[in-house]
Amino acid sequence: MSAAVLPVRPSSRSPFERAALVPGWTTARWGYDGVLECFWAELVGPRGEVVRIGPEHLLTTVTALARALAVSARVPEDEAYLALTA
Protein backbone atom coordinates (compact mmCIF):
# COMPACT_ATOMS: atom_id res chain seq x y z
CA MET A 1 0.00 0.00 0.00
CA SER A 2 1.45 3.38 -0.97
CA ALA A 3 1.33 6.49 1.16
CA ALA A 4 -0.93 9.34 0.06
CA VAL A 5 0.83 12.39 -1.32
CA LEU A 6 -0.44 15.63 0.17
CA PRO A 7 -0.40 18.82 -1.91
CA VAL A 8 2.35 21.28 -1.07
CA ARG A 9 0.94 24.42 0.53
CA PRO A 10 2.86 27.64 1.12
CA SER A 11 4.17 27.92 4.63
CA SER A 12 2.52 30.39 6.97
CA ARG A 13 6.04 31.71 7.44
CA SER A 14 6.35 32.78 3.80
CA PRO A 15 7.80 36.27 3.39
CA PHE A 16 5.56 39.14 2.35
CA GLU A 17 5.55 42.92 2.01
CA ARG A 18 2.60 45.31 2.35
CA ALA A 19 1.92 49.03 2.36
CA ALA A 20 0.87 50.75 5.58
CA LEU A 21 -0.94 54.04 6.14
CA VAL A 22 0.89 55.59 9.08
CA PRO A 23 -0.38 59.07 10.02
CA GLY A 24 2.21 61.78 9.33
CA TRP A 25 4.41 59.63 7.08
CA THR A 26 4.59 59.88 3.28
CA THR A 27 5.11 56.18 2.62
CA ALA A 28 5.35 53.14 4.80
CA ARG A 29 5.77 49.46 4.18
CA TRP A 30 6.09 46.43 6.38
CA GLY A 31 6.53 42.74 5.97
CA TYR A 32 7.76 39.43 7.20
CA ASP A 33 11.27 38.03 6.80
CA GLY A 34 10.86 34.32 6.15
CA VAL A 35 14.50 33.52 6.86
CA LEU A 36 14.71 35.24 10.24
CA GLU A 37 11.01 34.60 10.96
CA CYS A 38 10.26 38.13 12.14
CA PHE A 39 8.50 41.32 11.07
CA TRP A 40 10.06 44.58 9.83
CA ALA A 41 8.88 48.07 8.80
CA GLU A 42 10.23 51.05 6.89
CA LEU A 43 8.80 54.60 6.91
CA VAL A 44 9.64 57.66 4.84
CA GLY A 45 8.65 61.05 6.18
CA PRO A 46 7.58 64.19 4.31
CA ARG A 47 11.12 65.66 4.56
CA GLY A 48 12.74 62.43 3.37
CA GLU A 49 13.64 61.07 6.80
CA VAL A 50 13.70 57.28 6.97
CA VAL A 51 12.84 55.10 9.94
CA ARG A 52 13.67 51.42 9.68
CA ILE A 53 12.63 48.76 12.14
CA GLY A 54 14.74 45.95 10.81
CA PRO A 55 14.75 42.22 11.26
CA GLU A 56 17.68 42.58 13.65
CA HIS A 57 15.05 43.41 16.31
CA LEU A 58 13.49 39.94 15.84
CA LEU A 59 9.91 41.14 16.33
CA THR A 60 7.92 37.92 16.06
CA THR A 61 4.35 39.28 16.36
CA VAL A 62 2.40 42.01 14.60
CA THR A 63 1.61 43.48 18.03
CA ALA A 64 5.33 43.83 18.81
CA LEU A 65 5.90 45.49 15.44
CA ALA A 66 2.99 47.87 16.07
CA ARG A 67 4.46 48.89 19.43
CA ALA A 68 7.90 49.52 17.90
CA LEU A 69 6.27 51.41 15.04
CA ALA A 70 4.29 53.58 17.47
CA VAL A 71 7.47 54.61 19.29
CA SER A 72 9.47 55.19 16.10
CA ALA A 73 6.71 57.06 14.24
CA ARG A 74 5.49 58.90 17.34
CA VAL A 75 1.89 57.78 16.90
CA PRO A 76 -0.48 56.08 19.37
CA GLU A 77 -0.19 52.27 19.56
CA ASP A 78 -3.74 51.73 18.33
CA GLU A 79 -3.09 53.86 15.21
CA ALA A 80 0.14 51.95 14.52
CA TYR A 81 -1.68 48.63 14.84
CA LEU A 82 -4.47 49.78 12.52
CA ALA A 83 -1.89 51.04 10.00
CA LEU A 84 -0.55 47.49 9.76
CA THR A 85 -3.78 45.54 9.83
CA ALA A 86 -6.52 47.70 8.28
C-alpha atoms as a PDB file:
ATOM      1  CA  MET A   1       0.000   0.000   0.000  1.00  0.00           C
ATOM      2  CA  SER A   2       1.452   3.378  -0.973  1.00  0.00           C
ATOM      3  CA  ALA A   3       1.328   6.491   1.160  1.00  0.00           C
ATOM      4  CA  ALA A   4      -0.926   9.337   0.058  1.00  0.00           C
ATOM      5  CA  VAL A   5       0.832  12.394  -1.321  1.00  0.00           C
ATOM      6  CA  LEU A   6      -0.438  15.631   0.166  1.00  0.00           C
ATOM      7  CA  PRO A   7      -0.401  18.822  -1.909  1.00  0.00           C
ATOM      8  CA  VAL A   8       2.348  21.281  -1.072  1.00  0.00           C
ATOM      9  CA  ARG A   9       0.943  24.423   0.527  1.00  0.00           C
ATOM     10  CA  PRO A  10       2.857  27.642   1.117  1.00  0.00           C
ATOM     11  CA  SER A  11       4.173  27.924   4.634  1.00  0.00           C
ATOM     12  CA  SER A  12       2.520  30.388   6.975  1.00  0.00           C
ATOM     13  CA  ARG A  13       6.040  31.707   7.438  1.00  0.00           C
ATOM     14  CA  SER A  14       6.347  32.780   3.804  1.00  0.00           C
ATOM     15  CA  PRO A  15       7.803  36.271   3.395  1.00  0.00           C
ATOM     16  CA  PHE A  16       5.558  39.141   2.349  1.00  0.00           C
ATOM     17  CA  GLU A  17       5.550  42.921   2.014  1.00  0.00           C
ATOM     18  CA  ARG A  18       2.600  45.312   2.354  1.00  0.00           C
ATOM     19  CA  ALA A  19       1.925  49.031   2.360  1.00  0.00           C
ATOM     20  CA  ALA A  20       0.875  50.753   5.583  1.00  0.00           C
ATOM     21  CA  LEU A  21      -0.936  54.037   6.138  1.00  0.00           C
ATOM     22  CA  VAL A  22       0.889  55.593   9.085  1.00  0.00           C
ATOM     23  CA  PRO A  23      -0.381  59.070  10.017  1.00  0.00           C
ATOM     24  CA  GLY A  24       2.207  61.782   9.331  1.00  0.00           C
ATOM     25  CA  TRP A  25       4.409  59.632   7.076  1.00  0.00           C
ATOM     26  CA  THR A  26       4.594  59.875   3.285  1.00  0.00           C
ATOM     27  CA  THR A  27       5.114  56.181   2.618  1.00  0.00           C
ATOM     28  CA  ALA A  28       5.355  53.141   4.802  1.00  0.00           C
ATOM     29  CA  ARG A  29       5.767  49.460   4.181  1.00  0.00           C
ATOM     30  CA  TRP A  30       6.086  46.434   6.382  1.00  0.00           C
ATOM     31  CA  GLY A  31       6.532  42.744   5.969  1.00  0.00           C
ATOM     32  CA  TYR A  32       7.756  39.428   7.199  1.00  0.00           C
ATOM     33  CA  ASP A  33      11.269  38.034   6.801  1.00  0.00           C
ATOM     34  CA  GLY A  34      10.861  34.317   6.151  1.00  0.00           C
ATOM     35  CA  VAL A  35      14.497  33.524   6.857  1.00  0.00           C
ATOM     36  CA  LEU A  36      14.709  35.242  10.244  1.00  0.00           C
ATOM     37  CA  GLU A  37      11.006  34.599  10.960  1.00  0.00           C
ATOM     38  CA  CYS A  38      10.265  38.133  12.145  1.00  0.00           C
ATOM     39  CA  PHE A  39       8.497  41.321  11.074  1.00  0.00           C
ATOM     40  CA  TRP A  40      10.062  44.582   9.829  1.00  0.00           C
ATOM     41  CA  ALA A  41       8.877  48.068   8.803  1.00  0.00           C
ATOM     42  CA  GLU A  42      10.229  51.052   6.887  1.00  0.00           C
ATOM     43  CA  LEU A  43       8.803  54.598   6.913  1.00  0.00           C
ATOM     44  CA  VAL A  44       9.642  57.661   4.836  1.00  0.00           C
ATOM     45  CA  GLY A  45       8.645  61.053   6.176  1.00  0.00           C
ATOM     46  CA  PRO A  46       7.582  64.194   4.310  1.00  0.00           C
ATOM     47  CA  ARG A  47      11.117  65.657   4.561  1.00  0.00           C
ATOM     48  CA  GLY A  48      12.743  62.433   3.374  1.00  0.00           C
ATOM     49  CA  GLU A  49      13.637  61.067   6.804  1.00  0.00           C
ATOM     50  CA  VAL A  50      13.698  57.277   6.966  1.00  0.00           C
ATOM     51  CA  VAL A  51      12.841  55.105   9.935  1.00  0.00           C
ATOM     52  CA  ARG A  52      13.668  51.420   9.682  1.00  0.00           C
ATOM     53  CA  ILE A  53      12.626  48.760  12.139  1.00  0.00           C
ATOM     54  CA  GLY A  54      14.737  45.949  10.812  1.00  0.00           C
ATOM     55  CA  PRO A  55      14.750  42.218  11.263  1.00  0.00           C
ATOM     56  CA  GLU A  56      17.676  42.576  13.652  1.00  0.00           C
ATOM     57  CA  HIS A  57      15.053  43.410  16.312  1.00  0.00           C
ATOM     58  CA  LEU A  58      13.485  39.940  15.844  1.00  0.00           C
ATOM     59  CA  LEU A  59       9.913  41.137  16.328  1.00  0.00           C
ATOM     60  CA  THR A  60       7.917  37.920  16.064  1.00  0.00           C
ATOM     61  CA  THR A  61       4.355  39.277  16.357  1.00  0.00           C
ATOM     62  CA  VAL A  62       2.398  42.010  14.601  1.00  0.00           C
ATOM     63  CA  THR A  63       1.611  43.483  18.030  1.00  0.00           C
ATOM     64  CA  ALA A  64       5.330  43.827  18.812  1.00  0.00           C
ATOM     65  CA  LEU A  65       5.898  45.491  15.438  1.00  0.00           C
ATOM     66  CA  ALA A  66       2.987  47.872  16.066  1.00  0.00           C
ATOM     67  CA  ARG A  67       4.465  48.891  19.427  1.00  0.00           C
ATOM     68  CA  ALA A  68       7.900  49.519  17.900  1.00  0.00           C
ATOM     69  CA  LEU A  69       6.268  51.408  15.038  1.00  0.00           C
ATOM     70  CA  ALA A  70       4.289  53.575  17.473  1.00  0.00           C
ATOM     71  CA  VAL A  71       7.470  54.606  19.292  1.00  0.00           C
ATOM     72  CA  SER A  72       9.469  55.193  16.104  1.00  0.00           C
ATOM     73  CA  ALA A  73       6.709  57.055  14.238  1.00  0.00           C
ATOM     74  CA  ARG A  74       5.486  58.903  17.336  1.00  0.00           C
ATOM     75  CA  VAL A  75       1.885  57.775  16.901  1.00  0.00           C
ATOM     76  CA  PRO A  76      -0.482  56.076  19.367  1.00  0.00           C
ATOM     77  CA  GLU A  77      -0.187  52.275  19.563  1.00  0.00           C
ATOM     78  CA  ASP A  78      -3.737  51.727  18.331  1.00  0.00           C
ATOM     79  CA  GLU A  79      -3.089  53.857  15.214  1.00  0.00           C
ATOM     80  CA  ALA A  80       0.137  51.953  14.522  1.00  0.00           C
ATOM     81  CA  TYR A  81      -1.683  48.630  14.837  1.00  0.00           C
ATOM     82  CA  LEU A  82      -4.467  49.783  12.516  1.00  0.00           C
ATOM     83  CA  ALA A  83      -1.890  51.039  10.001  1.00  0.00           C
ATOM     84  CA  LEU A  84      -0.551  47.492   9.763  1.00  0.00           C
ATOM     85  CA  THR A  85      -3.785  45.540   9.826  1.00  0.00           C
ATOM     86  CA  ALA A  86      -6.516  47.696   8.283  1.00  0.00           C
END
